[in-house]
Amino acid sequence: MTAFLITAAAVAADPTFTDLVWARRFTLETPFTYTMRADRPEITEGVVVQVTLSPETPAESQRVTPLWMAGEWPAMILERSATCAVLVVPDPDALTQPWFVGPAVLASRIDGNATRAERDAAAQRGVSGFDSARIAAVVEPVDVAGVDFRDVAAVGAGRCPRMSPAR
């Protein structure tokens, strides 16, 4: 697999997302329930994305933290290190939508109407998605055609460098 590094100029997104490194679209035979929204839609397509995060991005915690939004979808974190995240977004066109840090709520409490309103507000603030030429350069040409969500998770596994243990 080839990864392309995209410069920060490639996106007018929230400064949390500094680079788009890799992406791969997917389709599934068996739908899976996307639990990152209250309406829990059944999805069969989307995109797995690796992004570089700003060093100022807070670490994950057990508390309610702001959602990472890709258009109208809260992104599902598959993998995370200090400055890298592999995310799943159930919209194959999510890379062209605004990428931003959304509200600090449990994903299971925000529905599609609220997420669309968040997306529209971000767009009004001038937040946009990744540049189409950059998307063309970074999206792998072969989609993941899997049976179920485990196939998608396997594609994104191991992409972020592991943080070394504290000594």
C-alpha atoms as a PDB file:
ATOM      1  CA  MET A   1       0.000   0.000   0.000  1.00  0.00           C
ATOM      2  CA  THR A   2       1.227   3.437  -0.865  1.00  0.00           C
ATOM      3  CA  ALA A   3       0.447   6.337   1.437  1.00  0.00           C
ATOM      4  CA  PHE A   4       0.467   9.868   0.112  1.00  0.00           C
ATOM      5  CA  LEU A   5       1.190  12.745   2.476  1.00  0.00           C
ATOM      6  CA  ILE A   6      -1.091  15.684   1.844  1.00  0.00           C
ATOM      7  CA  THR A   7      -0.152  19.141   3.048  1.00  0.00           C
ATOM      8  CA  ALA A   8      -2.221  21.144   5.498  1.00  0.00           C
ATOM      9  CA  ALA A   9      -3.212  23.449   2.639  1.00  0.00           C
ATOM     10  CA  ALA A  10      -5.261  20.579   1.253  1.00  0.00           C
ATOM     11  CA  VAL A  11      -8.106  21.256   3.654  1.00  0.00           C
ATOM     12  CA  ALA A  12      -9.873  24.248   5.095  1.00  0.00           C
ATOM     13  CA  ALA A  13     -10.942  22.096   7.986  1.00  0.00           C
ATOM     14  CA  ASP A  14     -10.731  22.477  11.690  1.00  0.00           C
ATOM     15  CA  PRO A  15      -7.031  22.712  12.682  1.00  0.00           C
ATOM     16  CA  THR A  16      -7.390  19.356  14.459  1.00  0.00           C
ATOM     17  CA  PHE A  17      -7.043  17.590  11.096  1.00  0.00           C
ATOM     18  CA  THR A  18      -3.718  18.720   9.647  1.00  0.00           C
ATOM     19  CA  ASP A  19      -3.187  16.154   6.867  1.00  0.00           C
ATOM     20  CA  LEU A  20      -5.044  13.489   4.920  1.00  0.00           C
ATOM     21  CA  VAL A  21      -2.626  10.574   4.639  1.00  0.00           C
ATOM     22  CA  TRP A  22      -4.644   7.670   3.242  1.00  0.00           C
ATOM     23  CA  ALA A  23      -8.230   6.720   2.407  1.00  0.00           C
ATOM     24  CA  ARG A  24     -10.078   3.726   1.063  1.00  0.00           C
ATOM     25  CA  ARG A  25     -13.767   3.445   0.237  1.00  0.00           C
ATOM     26  CA  PHE A  26     -15.697   0.361   1.261  1.00  0.00           C
ATOM     27  CA  THR A  27     -18.885  -1.529   0.473  1.00  0.00           C
ATOM     28  CA  LEU A  28     -20.305  -4.342   2.572  1.00  0.00           C
ATOM     29  CA  GLU A  29     -22.566  -7.276   1.830  1.00  0.00           C
ATOM     30  CA  THR A  30     -23.918  -7.259   5.384  1.00  0.00           C
ATOM     31  CA  PRO A  31     -25.009  -3.878   6.780  1.00  0.00           C
ATOM     32  CA  PHE A  32     -23.735  -2.857  10.168  1.00  0.00           C
ATOM     33  CA  THR A  33     -25.411  -0.599  12.697  1.00  0.00           C
ATOM     34  CA  TYR A  34     -23.544   2.681  12.967  1.00  0.00           C
ATOM     35  CA  THR A  35     -23.742   3.434  16.682  1.00  0.00           C
ATOM     36  CA  MET A  36     -22.143   6.878  16.378  1.00  0.00           C
ATOM     37  CA  ARG A  37     -25.570   8.504  15.920  1.00  0.00           C
ATOM     38  CA  ALA A  38     -28.796   8.215  17.884  1.00  0.00           C
ATOM     39  CA  ASP A  39     -30.767   7.110  14.819  1.00  0.00           C
ATOM     40  CA  ARG A  40     -28.348   4.145  14.443  1.00  0.00           C
ATOM     41  CA  PRO A  41     -28.506   3.816  10.641  1.00  0.00           C
ATOM     42  CA  GLU A  42     -27.649   0.575   8.906  1.00  0.00           C
ATOM     43  CA  ILE A  43     -24.752   1.251   6.547  1.00  0.00           C
ATOM     44  CA  THR A  44     -23.226  -0.678   3.681  1.00  0.00           C
ATOM     45  CA  GLU A  45     -20.732   1.854   2.328  1.00  0.00           C
ATOM     46  CA  GLY A  46     -18.336   4.513   3.479  1.00  0.00           C
ATOM     47  CA  VAL A  47     -14.670   5.393   3.715  1.00  0.00           C
ATOM     48  CA  VAL A  48     -11.789   4.458   6.020  1.00  0.00           C
ATOM     49  CA  VAL A  49      -9.495   7.459   6.478  1.00  0.00           C
ATOM     50  CA  GLN A  50      -6.097   8.059   8.062  1.00  0.00           C
ATOM     51  CA  VAL A  51      -5.526  11.653   9.165  1.00  0.00           C
ATOM     52  CA  THR A  52      -2.707  13.442  10.916  1.00  0.00           C
ATOM     53  CA  LEU A  53      -3.840  15.248  14.037  1.00  0.00           C
ATOM     54  CA  SER A  54      -2.532  18.483  15.458  1.00  0.00           C
ATOM     55  CA  PRO A  55      -0.172  17.865  18.410  1.00  0.00           C
ATOM     56  CA  GLU A  56      -2.604  19.970  20.480  1.00  0.00           C
ATOM     57  CA  THR A  57      -5.430  17.457  19.977  1.00  0.00           C
ATOM     58  CA  PRO A  58      -6.520  16.249  23.418  1.00  0.00           C
ATOM     59  CA  ALA A  59      -5.996  12.605  24.257  1.00  0.00           C
ATOM     60  CA  GLU A  60      -8.996  10.302  24.347  1.00  0.00           C
ATOM     61  CA  SER A  61     -10.668   9.990  27.709  1.00  0.00           C
ATOM     62  CA  GLN A  62     -13.581   8.259  29.362  1.00  0.00           C
ATOM     63  CA  ARG A  63     -15.367  11.604  29.598  1.00  0.00           C
ATOM     64  CA  VAL A  64     -17.668  13.099  27.015  1.00  0.00           C
ATOM     65  CA  THR A  65     -15.424  14.768  24.454  1.00  0.00           C
ATOM     66  CA  PRO A  66     -16.202  16.684  21.258  1.00  0.00           C
ATOM     67  CA  LEU A  67     -17.140  14.524  18.297  1.00  0.00           C
ATOM     68  CA  TRP A  68     -14.910  14.503  15.226  1.00  0.00           C
ATOM     69  CA  MET A  69     -17.262  15.286  12.380  1.00  0.00           C
ATOM     70  CA  ALA A  70     -16.979  14.482   8.666  1.00  0.00           C
ATOM     71  CA  GLY A  71     -19.919  16.226   7.089  1.00  0.00           C
ATOM     72  CA  GLU A  72     -23.044  15.064   8.865  1.00  0.00           C
ATOM     73  CA  TRP A  73     -21.343  11.991  10.337  1.00  0.00           C
ATOM     74  CA  PRO A  74     -19.543  11.637  13.655  1.00  0.00           C
ATOM     75  CA  ALA A  75     -16.385   9.709  12.755  1.00  0.00           C
ATOM     76  CA  MET A  76     -15.818   6.334  14.394  1.00  0.00           C
ATOM     77  CA  ILE A  77     -12.260   6.011  15.717  1.00  0.00           C
ATOM     78  CA  LEU A  78     -10.685   2.679  14.781  1.00  0.00           C
ATOM     79  CA  GLU A  79      -7.175   3.555  15.878  1.00  0.00           C
ATOM     80  CA  ARG A  80      -5.510   6.539  17.520  1.00  0.00           C
ATOM     81  CA  SER A  81      -2.047   7.685  18.544  1.00  0.00           C
ATOM     82  CA  ALA A  82      -0.863  11.135  19.607  1.00  0.00           C
ATOM     83  CA  THR A  83      -0.923  12.628  16.091  1.00  0.00           C
ATOM     84  CA  CYS A  84      -2.627   9.952  13.976  1.00  0.00           C
ATOM     85  CA  ALA A  85      -6.161   8.628  13.726  1.00  0.00           C
ATOM     86  CA  VAL A  86      -7.823   6.015  11.536  1.00  0.00           C
ATOM     87  CA  LEU A  87     -11.503   6.796  11.224  1.00  0.00           C
ATOM     88  CA  VAL A  88     -14.587   5.255   9.640  1.00  0.00           C
ATOM     89  CA  VAL A  89     -17.211   7.493   8.083  1.00  0.00           C
ATOM     90  CA  PRO A  90     -20.313   5.884   6.514  1.00  0.00           C
ATOM     91  CA  ASP A  91     -20.369   8.201   3.516  1.00  0.00           C
ATOM     92  CA  PRO A  92     -18.113   7.487   0.525  1.00  0.00           C
ATOM     93  CA  ASP A  93     -18.173  11.216  -0.306  1.00  0.00           C
ATOM     94  CA  ALA A  94     -17.255  12.357   3.222  1.00  0.00           C
ATOM     95  CA  LEU A  95     -13.849  13.654   2.157  1.00  0.00           C
ATOM     96  CA  THR A  96     -15.510  16.507   0.245  1.00  0.00           C
ATOM     97  CA  GLN A  97     -17.659  17.496   3.248  1.00  0.00           C
ATOM     98  CA  PRO A  98     -16.568  19.842   6.089  1.00  0.00           C
ATOM     99  CA  TRP A  99     -14.242  18.185   8.647  1.00  0.00           C
ATOM    100  CA  PHE A 100     -14.499  19.760  12.081  1.00  0.00           C
ATOM    101  CA  VAL A 101     -14.701  19.203  15.818  1.00  0.00           C
ATOM    102  CA  GLY A 102     -18.358  19.050  16.761  1.00  0.00           C
ATOM    103  CA  PRO A 103     -20.284  19.232  20.002  1.00  0.00           C
ATOM    104  CA  ALA A 104     -19.202  17.507  23.206  1.00  0.00           C
ATOM    105  CA  VAL A 105     -22.001  14.963  23.431  1.00  0.00           C
ATOM    106  CA  LEU A 106     -22.306  11.220  23.431  1.00  0.00           C
ATOM    107  CA  ALA A 107     -22.589  10.121  19.816  1.00  0.00           C
ATOM    108  CA  SER A 108     -25.532   7.941  20.758  1.00  0.00           C
ATOM    109  CA  ARG A 109     -27.466  11.088  21.735  1.00  0.00           C
ATOM    110  CA  ILE A 110     -27.129  13.096  18.504  1.00  0.00           C
ATOM    111  CA  ASP A 111     -29.334  12.317  15.516  1.00  0.00           C
ATOM    112  CA  GLY A 112     -29.077  13.004  11.803  1.00  0.00           C
ATOM    113  CA  ASN A 113     -31.008  16.282  11.995  1.00  0.00           C
ATOM    114  CA  ALA A 114     -28.619  17.646  14.624  1.00  0.00           C
ATOM    115  CA  THR A 115     -25.515  16.457  12.767  1.00  0.00           C
ATOM    116  CA  ARG A 116     -26.728  18.025   9.514  1.00  0.00           C
ATOM    117  CA  ALA A 117     -27.265  21.321  11.382  1.00  0.00           C
ATOM    118  CA  GLU A 118     -23.699  21.067  12.764  1.00  0.00           C
ATOM    119  CA  ARG A 119     -22.364  20.439   9.248  1.00  0.00           C
ATOM    120  CA  ASP A 120     -24.263  23.417   7.844  1.00  0.00           C
ATOM    121  CA  ALA A 121     -22.991  25.687  10.652  1.00  0.00           C
ATOM    122  CA  ALA A 122     -19.402  24.547   9.981  1.00  0.00           C
ATOM    123  CA  ALA A 123     -19.810  25.274   6.267  1.00  0.00           C
ATOM    124  CA  GLN A 124     -21.111  28.765   7.107  1.00  0.00           C
ATOM    125  CA  ARG A 125     -17.923  29.315   9.162  1.00  0.00           C
ATOM    126  CA  GLY A 126     -15.897  28.487   6.042  1.00  0.00           C
ATOM    127  CA  VAL A 127     -14.930  24.939   7.008  1.00  0.00           C
ATOM    128  CA  SER A 128     -14.709  22.666   3.983  1.00  0.00           C
ATOM    129  CA  GLY A 129     -13.563  19.222   2.990  1.00  0.00           C
ATOM    130  CA  PHE A 130     -10.373  18.041   1.400  1.00  0.00           C
ATOM    131  CA  ASP A 131      -9.505  19.344  -2.094  1.00  0.00           C
ATOM    132  CA  SER A 132     -10.773  17.064  -4.889  1.00  0.00           C
ATOM    133  CA  ALA A 133      -7.331  16.777  -6.519  1.00  0.00           C
ATOM    134  CA  ARG A 134      -5.852  15.713  -3.193  1.00  0.00           C
ATOM    135  CA  ILE A 135      -8.627  13.194  -2.649  1.00  0.00           C
ATOM    136  CA  ALA A 136      -7.914  11.704  -6.075  1.00  0.00           C
ATOM    137  CA  ALA A 137      -4.234  11.396  -5.132  1.00  0.00           C
ATOM    138  CA  VAL A 138      -4.754   9.734  -1.769  1.00  0.00           C
ATOM    139  CA  VAL A 139      -7.755   7.415  -2.159  1.00  0.00           C
ATOM    140  CA  GLU A 140      -6.584   3.918  -2.996  1.00  0.00           C
ATOM    141  CA  PRO A 141      -8.051   2.795  -6.308  1.00  0.00           C
ATOM    142  CA  VAL A 142      -9.306  -0.562  -5.028  1.00  0.00           C
ATOM    143  CA  ASP A 143     -12.337  -0.406  -2.751  1.00  0.00           C
ATOM    144  CA  VAL A 144     -12.740  -2.789   0.144  1.00  0.00           C
ATOM    145  CA  ALA A 145     -15.514  -5.193  -0.790  1.00  0.00           C
ATOM    146  CA  GLY A 146     -16.163  -7.040   2.425  1.00  0.00           C
ATOM    147  CA  VAL A 147     -18.685  -9.274   3.996  1.00  0.00           C
ATOM    148  CA  ASP A 148     -19.029  -7.295   7.223  1.00  0.00           C
ATOM    149  CA  PHE A 149     -17.499  -4.539   9.339  1.00  0.00           C
ATOM    150  CA  ARG A 150     -14.598  -6.735  10.487  1.00  0.00           C
ATOM    151  CA  ASP A 151     -13.232  -6.532   6.935  1.00  0.00           C
ATOM    152  CA  VAL A 152     -13.269  -2.720   7.131  1.00  0.00           C
ATOM    153  CA  ALA A 153     -11.596  -2.674  10.551  1.00  0.00           C
ATOM    154  CA  ALA A 154      -8.850  -5.003   9.286  1.00  0.00           C
ATOM    155  CA  VAL A 155      -7.978  -2.614   6.443  1.00  0.00           C
ATOM    156  CA  GLY A 156      -7.426   0.266   8.871  1.00  0.00           C
ATOM    157  CA  ALA A 157      -5.572  -1.720  11.514  1.00  0.00           C
ATOM    158  CA  GLY A 158      -1.925  -0.903  12.204  1.00  0.00           C
ATOM    159  CA  ARG A 159      -1.793   2.362  10.246  1.00  0.00           C
ATOM    160  CA  CYS A 160      -1.006   4.633  13.227  1.00  0.00           C
ATOM    161  CA  PRO A 161       2.393   4.382  14.912  1.00  0.00           C
ATOM    162  CA  ARG A 162       2.153   2.986  18.384  1.00  0.00           C
ATOM    163  CA  MET A 163       2.975   5.293  21.253  1.00  0.00           C
ATOM    164  CA  SER A 164       5.973   4.068  23.194  1.00  0.00           C
ATOM    165  CA  PRO A 165       5.281   3.157  26.810  1.00  0.00           C
ATOM    166  CA  ALA A 166       6.201   5.640  29.540  1.00  0.00           C
ATOM    167  CA  ARG A 167       9.461   4.875  31.261  1.00  0.00           C
END
